[in-house]
Amino acid sequence: MNETMVCAVGRVATQPVYREMASGPSARFRLAVTARYWDREKNTWTDGHTNFFTVWANRQLATNTAASLTVGEPVIVQGRLKVRTDVREGQSWTSADIDAVAIGHDLAWGTAAFRRASKAEIAAPSQAPQPEPNWETPPEGSEATTATRSQPAVPEAVLT
């Protein structure tokens, strides 16, 4: 089977939402991936365009994702890319999702200590239900898209 496997390096843009489904645990969060380039004129690194992906994790990966990730943390996600186009109320919408195979912290930005999940954590995760964030990506060229681009993907306090 031909699938598009990707490896995305970015920051957690929304708190992971954990759900118990009939098929098993599921978690999702938004990932902000910002291109950076060296601006020779300014002699400094400059942020380019930011892409947002909805990352989906299932089964044990979902449980560990919900217990391990918070907004602003640098992560590396590997998985299958799924791009969908949809028409809603006359507007064309495109979303890019990653069905994650592996998720980990980006150690270029800090340290992490691996801890194997205990059987008690696997059986009953301690995540309380969380409110549903707004997962919609506005269509290209809309006012919401323009406003989102002018603001940083991650709060400045998180980056320091």
N, C-alpha and C. Protein backbone atom coordinates (compact mmCIF):
# COMPACT_ATOMS: atom_id res chain seq x y z
N MET A 1 0.84 -1.18 0.00
CA MET A 1 0.00 0.00 0.00
C MET A 1 0.88 1.24 0.00
N ASN A 2 0.58 2.17 -0.88
CA ASN A 2 1.34 3.41 -0.95
C ASN A 2 0.75 4.44 0.00
N GLU A 3 1.57 4.90 0.91
CA GLU A 3 1.16 5.94 1.85
C GLU A 3 2.22 7.02 1.87
N THR A 4 1.83 8.22 2.20
CA THR A 4 2.77 9.32 2.31
C THR A 4 3.19 9.45 3.76
N MET A 5 4.38 8.98 4.06
CA MET A 5 4.92 9.08 5.42
C MET A 5 5.68 10.40 5.54
N VAL A 6 5.45 11.12 6.64
CA VAL A 6 6.11 12.40 6.86
C VAL A 6 6.74 12.43 8.25
N CYS A 7 7.72 13.29 8.38
CA CYS A 7 8.31 13.58 9.69
C CYS A 7 8.23 15.09 9.84
N ALA A 8 7.45 15.55 10.82
CA ALA A 8 7.24 16.99 11.03
C ALA A 8 7.86 17.40 12.36
N VAL A 9 8.62 18.48 12.33
CA VAL A 9 9.26 19.01 13.53
C VAL A 9 8.62 20.37 13.82
N GLY A 10 8.03 20.52 15.00
CA GLY A 10 7.35 21.77 15.32
C GLY A 10 7.03 21.86 16.80
N ARG A 11 6.02 22.65 17.10
CA ARG A 11 5.61 22.85 18.50
C ARG A 11 4.14 22.51 18.67
N VAL A 12 3.81 22.01 19.86
CA VAL A 12 2.43 21.68 20.19
C VAL A 12 1.65 22.99 20.28
N ALA A 13 0.62 23.15 19.43
CA ALA A 13 -0.13 24.40 19.37
C ALA A 13 -1.39 24.37 20.23
N THR A 14 -1.95 23.19 20.49
CA THR A 14 -3.13 23.07 21.36
C THR A 14 -2.91 21.92 22.33
N GLN A 15 -3.54 22.03 23.48
CA GLN A 15 -3.44 20.95 24.47
C GLN A 15 -4.05 19.68 23.87
N PRO A 16 -3.36 18.52 23.98
CA PRO A 16 -3.94 17.28 23.46
C PRO A 16 -5.29 16.97 24.10
N VAL A 17 -6.23 16.54 23.26
CA VAL A 17 -7.57 16.16 23.72
C VAL A 17 -7.63 14.63 23.67
N TYR A 18 -7.90 14.02 24.82
CA TYR A 18 -7.94 12.56 24.95
C TYR A 18 -9.38 12.10 25.00
N ARG A 19 -9.69 11.03 24.27
CA ARG A 19 -11.04 10.46 24.26
C ARG A 19 -10.96 8.94 24.29
N GLU A 20 -11.88 8.34 25.03
CA GLU A 20 -12.06 6.88 25.00
C GLU A 20 -13.10 6.60 23.93
N MET A 21 -12.70 5.89 22.89
CA MET A 21 -13.60 5.56 21.79
C MET A 21 -13.92 4.07 21.85
N ALA A 22 -14.90 3.64 21.07
CA ALA A 22 -15.25 2.22 21.00
C ALA A 22 -14.06 1.40 20.48
N SER A 23 -13.25 1.99 19.60
CA SER A 23 -12.09 1.30 19.03
C SER A 23 -10.84 1.41 19.90
N GLY A 24 -10.92 2.14 21.02
CA GLY A 24 -9.78 2.32 21.91
C GLY A 24 -9.48 3.79 22.11
N PRO A 25 -8.45 4.09 22.90
CA PRO A 25 -8.10 5.49 23.18
C PRO A 25 -7.68 6.25 21.92
N SER A 26 -8.01 7.54 21.90
CA SER A 26 -7.63 8.42 20.80
C SER A 26 -7.27 9.78 21.37
N ALA A 27 -6.26 10.41 20.81
CA ALA A 27 -5.86 11.76 21.23
C ALA A 27 -5.52 12.55 19.97
N ARG A 28 -5.74 13.86 20.03
CA ARG A 28 -5.36 14.71 18.92
C ARG A 28 -4.92 16.07 19.46
N PHE A 29 -4.06 16.70 18.68
CA PHE A 29 -3.59 18.05 19.00
C PHE A 29 -3.16 18.71 17.70
N ARG A 30 -3.00 20.03 17.74
CA ARG A 30 -2.54 20.77 16.58
C ARG A 30 -1.03 20.98 16.72
N LEU A 31 -0.35 20.82 15.61
CA LEU A 31 1.10 20.98 15.54
C LEU A 31 1.42 22.17 14.64
N ALA A 32 2.20 23.12 15.14
CA ALA A 32 2.63 24.28 14.35
C ALA A 32 4.05 24.05 13.86
N VAL A 33 4.24 24.09 12.55
CA VAL A 33 5.55 23.89 11.95
C VAL A 33 5.91 25.16 11.20
N THR A 34 6.92 25.87 11.68
CA THR A 34 7.32 27.14 11.10
C THR A 34 8.67 27.02 10.42
N ALA A 35 8.71 27.37 9.14
CA ALA A 35 9.97 27.38 8.40
C ALA A 35 10.81 28.56 8.89
N ARG A 36 12.12 28.34 9.02
CA ARG A 36 13.03 29.42 9.39
C ARG A 36 14.12 29.50 8.34
N TYR A 37 14.56 30.72 8.07
CA TYR A 37 15.62 30.89 7.09
C TYR A 37 16.55 32.01 7.54
N TRP A 38 17.78 31.98 7.02
CA TRP A 38 18.77 32.99 7.34
C TRP A 38 18.59 34.16 6.38
N ASP A 39 18.28 35.35 6.95
CA ASP A 39 18.11 36.57 6.17
C ASP A 39 19.47 37.26 6.10
N ARG A 40 20.07 37.22 4.92
CA ARG A 40 21.42 37.78 4.76
C ARG A 40 21.44 39.30 4.93
N GLU A 41 20.35 39.96 4.52
CA GLU A 41 20.31 41.42 4.63
C GLU A 41 20.27 41.86 6.09
N LYS A 42 19.47 41.17 6.90
CA LYS A 42 19.34 41.52 8.32
C LYS A 42 20.36 40.79 9.19
N ASN A 43 21.03 39.80 8.60
CA ASN A 43 22.02 39.01 9.32
C ASN A 43 21.42 38.33 10.55
N THR A 44 20.21 37.74 10.35
CA THR A 44 19.52 37.10 11.46
C THR A 44 18.58 36.01 10.93
N TRP A 45 18.18 35.11 11.81
CA TRP A 45 17.20 34.10 11.45
C TRP A 45 15.82 34.74 11.43
N THR A 46 14.99 34.36 10.45
CA THR A 46 13.66 34.92 10.29
C THR A 46 12.64 33.79 10.16
N ASP A 47 11.47 33.98 10.78
CA ASP A 47 10.40 33.00 10.66
C ASP A 47 9.72 33.15 9.31
N GLY A 48 9.43 32.01 8.69
CA GLY A 48 8.70 31.99 7.44
C GLY A 48 7.25 31.63 7.71
N HIS A 49 6.64 30.94 6.76
CA HIS A 49 5.24 30.52 6.86
C HIS A 49 5.07 29.42 7.91
N THR A 50 3.95 29.45 8.62
CA THR A 50 3.64 28.41 9.60
C THR A 50 2.54 27.51 9.04
N ASN A 51 2.80 26.21 9.03
CA ASN A 51 1.80 25.21 8.65
C ASN A 51 1.26 24.58 9.92
N PHE A 52 -0.04 24.31 9.93
CA PHE A 52 -0.68 23.66 11.07
C PHE A 52 -1.20 22.29 10.64
N PHE A 53 -0.93 21.29 11.43
CA PHE A 53 -1.40 19.94 11.19
C PHE A 53 -2.19 19.47 12.40
N THR A 54 -3.24 18.69 12.17
CA THR A 54 -3.92 18.01 13.26
C THR A 54 -3.28 16.64 13.37
N VAL A 55 -2.71 16.35 14.53
CA VAL A 55 -2.03 15.07 14.76
C VAL A 55 -2.99 14.16 15.50
N TRP A 56 -3.18 12.95 14.99
CA TRP A 56 -4.04 11.95 15.60
C TRP A 56 -3.18 10.83 16.13
N ALA A 57 -3.41 10.42 17.38
CA ALA A 57 -2.70 9.29 17.98
C ALA A 57 -3.75 8.31 18.48
N ASN A 58 -3.47 7.03 18.37
CA ASN A 58 -4.41 6.00 18.79
C ASN A 58 -3.76 5.01 19.74
N ARG A 59 -4.61 4.30 20.47
CA ARG A 59 -4.21 3.25 21.41
C ARG A 59 -3.20 3.78 22.44
N GLN A 60 -2.13 3.06 22.69
CA GLN A 60 -1.18 3.44 23.74
C GLN A 60 -0.49 4.76 23.43
N LEU A 61 -0.25 5.04 22.15
CA LEU A 61 0.35 6.32 21.77
C LEU A 61 -0.54 7.48 22.20
N ALA A 62 -1.86 7.30 22.12
CA ALA A 62 -2.81 8.33 22.54
C ALA A 62 -2.70 8.59 24.04
N THR A 63 -2.66 7.52 24.81
CA THR A 63 -2.56 7.64 26.27
C THR A 63 -1.27 8.35 26.66
N ASN A 64 -0.16 7.95 26.07
CA ASN A 64 1.13 8.56 26.39
C ASN A 64 1.22 10.00 25.90
N THR A 65 0.60 10.30 24.77
CA THR A 65 0.59 11.67 24.24
C THR A 65 -0.15 12.60 25.20
N ALA A 66 -1.33 12.19 25.64
CA ALA A 66 -2.12 13.02 26.54
C ALA A 66 -1.40 13.26 27.86
N ALA A 67 -0.64 12.28 28.32
CA ALA A 67 0.05 12.40 29.60
C ALA A 67 1.38 13.15 29.49
N SER A 68 1.91 13.30 28.28
CA SER A 68 3.27 13.82 28.13
C SER A 68 3.39 15.21 27.51
N LEU A 69 2.43 15.63 26.70
CA LEU A 69 2.60 16.86 25.92
C LEU A 69 1.79 18.02 26.47
N THR A 70 2.37 19.22 26.41
CA THR A 70 1.66 20.45 26.74
C THR A 70 1.95 21.49 25.65
N VAL A 71 1.15 22.52 25.61
CA VAL A 71 1.26 23.56 24.60
C VAL A 71 2.66 24.21 24.65
N GLY A 72 3.23 24.40 23.47
CA GLY A 72 4.51 25.09 23.34
C GLY A 72 5.71 24.18 23.30
N GLU A 73 5.55 22.91 23.65
CA GLU A 73 6.70 22.01 23.68
C GLU A 73 7.14 21.64 22.26
N PRO A 74 8.47 21.56 22.04
CA PRO A 74 8.96 21.15 20.73
C PRO A 74 8.86 19.64 20.58
N VAL A 75 8.28 19.19 19.46
CA VAL A 75 8.09 17.76 19.25
C VAL A 75 8.45 17.37 17.82
N ILE A 76 8.67 16.07 17.64
CA ILE A 76 8.87 15.47 16.34
C ILE A 76 7.78 14.44 16.16
N VAL A 77 7.06 14.51 15.05
CA VAL A 77 5.95 13.60 14.79
C VAL A 77 6.22 12.87 13.48
N GLN A 78 6.10 11.56 13.51
CA GLN A 78 6.22 10.76 12.29
C GLN A 78 4.90 10.04 12.07
N GLY A 79 4.42 10.04 10.83
CA GLY A 79 3.16 9.36 10.56
C GLY A 79 2.71 9.50 9.13
N ARG A 80 1.47 9.10 8.88
CA ARG A 80 0.88 9.13 7.55
C ARG A 80 0.17 10.47 7.32
N LEU A 81 0.50 11.15 6.23
CA LEU A 81 -0.13 12.41 5.89
C LEU A 81 -1.46 12.15 5.20
N LYS A 82 -2.51 12.85 5.66
CA LYS A 82 -3.83 12.75 5.04
C LYS A 82 -4.30 14.18 4.76
N VAL A 83 -4.48 14.51 3.49
CA VAL A 83 -4.96 15.84 3.09
C VAL A 83 -6.38 15.68 2.58
N ARG A 84 -7.29 16.48 3.15
CA ARG A 84 -8.70 16.41 2.76
C ARG A 84 -9.16 17.78 2.29
N THR A 85 -9.99 17.75 1.26
CA THR A 85 -10.63 18.98 0.77
C THR A 85 -12.13 18.80 0.94
N ASP A 86 -12.79 19.86 1.40
CA ASP A 86 -14.20 19.78 1.75
C ASP A 86 -14.85 21.11 1.36
N VAL A 87 -16.12 21.08 1.00
CA VAL A 87 -16.87 22.31 0.72
C VAL A 87 -17.96 22.42 1.78
N ARG A 88 -17.92 23.51 2.54
CA ARG A 88 -18.91 23.78 3.58
C ARG A 88 -19.47 25.17 3.38
N GLU A 89 -20.79 25.23 3.24
CA GLU A 89 -21.49 26.51 3.06
C GLU A 89 -20.88 27.33 1.92
N GLY A 90 -20.51 26.65 0.83
CA GLY A 90 -19.96 27.33 -0.33
C GLY A 90 -18.48 27.65 -0.24
N GLN A 91 -17.85 27.42 0.91
CA GLN A 91 -16.43 27.68 1.10
C GLN A 91 -15.63 26.40 0.94
N SER A 92 -14.49 26.47 0.30
CA SER A 92 -13.61 25.32 0.15
C SER A 92 -12.65 25.26 1.34
N TRP A 93 -12.58 24.11 2.02
CA TRP A 93 -11.73 23.92 3.18
C TRP A 93 -10.74 22.81 2.90
N THR A 94 -9.52 23.00 3.30
CA THR A 94 -8.50 21.97 3.17
C THR A 94 -7.87 21.75 4.54
N SER A 95 -7.72 20.48 4.91
CA SER A 95 -7.07 20.18 6.19
C SER A 95 -5.99 19.15 5.97
N ALA A 96 -4.92 19.26 6.72
CA ALA A 96 -3.82 18.31 6.66
C ALA A 96 -3.70 17.64 8.03
N ASP A 97 -3.88 16.34 8.05
CA ASP A 97 -3.81 15.56 9.28
C ASP A 97 -2.62 14.61 9.20
N ILE A 98 -2.08 14.29 10.36
CA ILE A 98 -1.03 13.29 10.45
C ILE A 98 -1.53 12.19 11.37
N ASP A 99 -1.64 10.98 10.85
CA ASP A 99 -1.99 9.81 11.65
C ASP A 99 -0.67 9.30 12.23
N ALA A 100 -0.38 9.65 13.48
CA ALA A 100 0.94 9.45 14.07
C ALA A 100 1.29 7.99 14.30
N VAL A 101 2.53 7.67 14.01
CA VAL A 101 3.12 6.38 14.32
C VAL A 101 4.04 6.55 15.52
N ALA A 102 4.73 7.72 15.58
CA ALA A 102 5.64 8.01 16.69
C ALA A 102 5.62 9.51 16.98
N ILE A 103 5.69 9.85 18.26
CA ILE A 103 5.73 11.24 18.71
C ILE A 103 6.78 11.33 19.82
N GLY A 104 7.64 12.33 19.75
CA GLY A 104 8.64 12.49 20.81
C GLY A 104 9.05 13.94 20.95
N HIS A 105 9.63 14.26 22.11
CA HIS A 105 10.14 15.61 22.32
C HIS A 105 11.40 15.83 21.49
N ASP A 106 11.58 17.06 21.00
CA ASP A 106 12.76 17.43 20.21
C ASP A 106 13.87 17.80 21.19
N LEU A 107 14.85 16.93 21.32
CA LEU A 107 15.92 17.12 22.30
C LEU A 107 16.93 18.18 21.91
N ALA A 108 16.78 18.80 20.74
CA ALA A 108 17.62 19.93 20.37
C ALA A 108 17.29 21.14 21.23
N TRP A 109 16.09 21.14 21.85
CA TRP A 109 15.62 22.29 22.63
C TRP A 109 15.66 22.06 24.13
N GLY A 110 15.93 20.86 24.58
CA GLY A 110 15.95 20.60 26.02
C GLY A 110 16.15 19.11 26.29
N THR A 111 15.98 18.74 27.54
CA THR A 111 16.17 17.35 27.92
C THR A 111 14.84 16.71 28.27
N ALA A 112 14.83 15.40 28.25
CA ALA A 112 13.64 14.64 28.63
C ALA A 112 14.11 13.38 29.34
N ALA A 113 13.28 12.87 30.20
CA ALA A 113 13.59 11.62 30.91
C ALA A 113 12.50 10.61 30.57
N PHE A 114 12.88 9.56 29.85
CA PHE A 114 11.91 8.54 29.45
C PHE A 114 11.45 7.75 30.66
N ARG A 115 10.17 7.50 30.73
CA ARG A 115 9.60 6.69 31.81
C ARG A 115 8.57 5.77 31.18
N ARG A 116 8.80 4.46 31.32
CA ARG A 116 7.85 3.49 30.77
C ARG A 116 6.54 3.59 31.54
N ALA A 117 5.42 3.58 30.82
CA ALA A 117 4.10 3.66 31.46
C ALA A 117 3.83 2.38 32.25
N SER A 118 3.31 2.54 33.47
CA SER A 118 2.97 1.37 34.28
C SER A 118 1.66 0.76 33.79
N LYS A 119 1.39 -0.46 34.17
CA LYS A 119 0.14 -1.13 33.76
C LYS A 119 -1.08 -0.38 34.27
N ALA A 120 -0.99 0.25 35.45
CA ALA A 120 -2.12 1.01 36.00
C ALA A 120 -2.42 2.23 35.11
N GLU A 121 -1.36 2.91 34.60
CA GLU A 121 -1.55 4.05 33.72
C GLU A 121 -2.13 3.62 32.38
N ILE A 122 -1.71 2.45 31.91
CA ILE A 122 -2.21 1.94 30.64
C ILE A 122 -3.69 1.62 30.75
N ALA A 123 -4.09 1.00 31.87
CA ALA A 123 -5.49 0.58 32.06
C ALA A 123 -6.42 1.76 32.29
N ALA A 124 -6.00 2.74 33.07
CA ALA A 124 -6.88 3.86 33.43
C ALA A 124 -6.11 5.17 33.43
N PRO A 125 -6.02 5.86 32.29
CA PRO A 125 -5.33 7.14 32.28
C PRO A 125 -6.06 8.17 33.14
N SER A 126 -5.30 9.08 33.73
CA SER A 126 -5.87 10.04 34.68
C SER A 126 -6.25 11.36 34.01
N GLN A 127 -6.57 11.34 32.75
CA GLN A 127 -6.96 12.57 32.05
C GLN A 127 -8.46 12.82 32.21
N ALA A 128 -8.81 13.96 32.74
CA ALA A 128 -10.22 14.35 32.82
C ALA A 128 -10.66 14.85 31.44
N PRO A 129 -11.93 14.71 31.09
CA PRO A 129 -12.39 15.23 29.80
C PRO A 129 -12.11 16.73 29.69
N GLN A 130 -11.66 17.15 28.51
CA GLN A 130 -11.30 18.54 28.31
C GLN A 130 -12.24 19.16 27.28
N PRO A 131 -12.42 20.47 27.36
CA PRO A 131 -13.29 21.11 26.37
C PRO A 131 -12.68 20.97 24.97
N GLU A 132 -13.55 20.91 24.02
CA GLU A 132 -13.14 20.72 22.63
C GLU A 132 -12.61 22.04 22.06
N PRO A 133 -11.33 22.06 21.58
CA PRO A 133 -10.82 23.27 20.96
C PRO A 133 -11.40 23.46 19.56
N ASN A 134 -11.21 24.63 18.98
CA ASN A 134 -11.67 24.90 17.62
C ASN A 134 -10.65 24.31 16.65
N TRP A 135 -11.03 23.26 15.94
CA TRP A 135 -10.12 22.54 15.05
C TRP A 135 -10.17 23.06 13.63
N GLU A 136 -11.04 23.99 13.36
CA GLU A 136 -11.24 24.45 11.99
C GLU A 136 -10.06 25.29 11.51
N THR A 137 -9.64 25.04 10.30
CA THR A 137 -8.64 25.86 9.64
C THR A 137 -9.39 26.70 8.62
N PRO A 138 -9.36 28.02 8.75
CA PRO A 138 -10.11 28.86 7.83
C PRO A 138 -9.61 28.70 6.40
N PRO A 139 -10.49 28.89 5.42
CA PRO A 139 -10.05 28.79 4.03
C PRO A 139 -9.01 29.86 3.71
N GLU A 140 -8.15 29.55 2.76
CA GLU A 140 -7.08 30.46 2.36
C GLU A 140 -7.67 31.79 1.91
N GLY A 141 -7.11 32.90 2.42
CA GLY A 141 -7.53 34.23 2.01
C GLY A 141 -8.62 34.84 2.87
N SER A 142 -9.17 34.07 3.84
CA SER A 142 -10.21 34.63 4.69
C SER A 142 -9.59 35.54 5.74
N GLU A 143 -10.42 36.35 6.39
CA GLU A 143 -9.93 37.27 7.43
C GLU A 143 -9.26 36.51 8.56
N ALA A 144 -9.81 35.36 8.96
CA ALA A 144 -9.24 34.58 10.07
C ALA A 144 -7.85 34.07 9.71
N THR A 145 -7.63 33.66 8.45
CA THR A 145 -6.32 33.18 8.03
C THR A 145 -5.30 34.30 8.10
N THR A 146 -5.66 35.49 7.62
CA THR A 146 -4.75 36.63 7.65
C THR A 146 -4.41 37.03 9.08
N ALA A 147 -5.39 37.01 9.98
CA ALA A 147 -5.14 37.37 11.38
C ALA A 147 -4.25 36.34 12.05
N THR A 148 -4.42 35.05 11.73
CA THR A 148 -3.62 34.00 12.34
C THR A 148 -2.17 34.12 11.92
N ARG A 149 -1.92 34.47 10.67
CA ARG A 149 -0.55 34.55 10.18
C ARG A 149 0.23 35.68 10.85
N SER A 150 -0.44 36.75 11.22
CA SER A 150 0.27 37.88 11.79
C SER A 150 0.64 37.67 13.25
N GLN A 151 0.07 36.62 13.87
CA GLN A 151 0.39 36.35 15.26
C GLN A 151 1.31 35.15 15.34
N PRO A 152 2.21 35.10 16.36
CA PRO A 152 3.09 33.95 16.48
C PRO A 152 2.29 32.69 16.79
N ALA A 153 2.78 31.55 16.31
CA ALA A 153 2.09 30.28 16.49
C ALA A 153 2.09 29.84 17.95
N VAL A 154 3.13 30.24 18.69
CA VAL A 154 3.26 29.84 20.09
C VAL A 154 3.51 31.10 20.92
N PRO A 155 2.88 31.23 22.08
CA PRO A 155 3.11 32.42 22.90
C PRO A 155 4.60 32.65 23.15
N GLU A 156 5.02 33.89 23.16
CA GLU A 156 6.43 34.24 23.34
C GLU A 156 6.99 33.69 24.64
N ALA A 157 6.19 33.66 25.71
CA ALA A 157 6.68 33.17 27.00
C ALA A 157 7.07 31.70 26.93
N VAL A 158 6.42 30.94 26.05
CA VAL A 158 6.71 29.51 25.92
C VAL A 158 8.05 29.30 25.23
N LEU A 159 8.43 30.19 24.33
CA LEU A 159 9.65 30.02 23.56
C LEU A 159 10.90 30.30 24.34
N THR A 160 10.82 30.96 25.45
CA THR A 160 12.03 31.32 26.19
C THR A 160 12.46 30.24 27.13
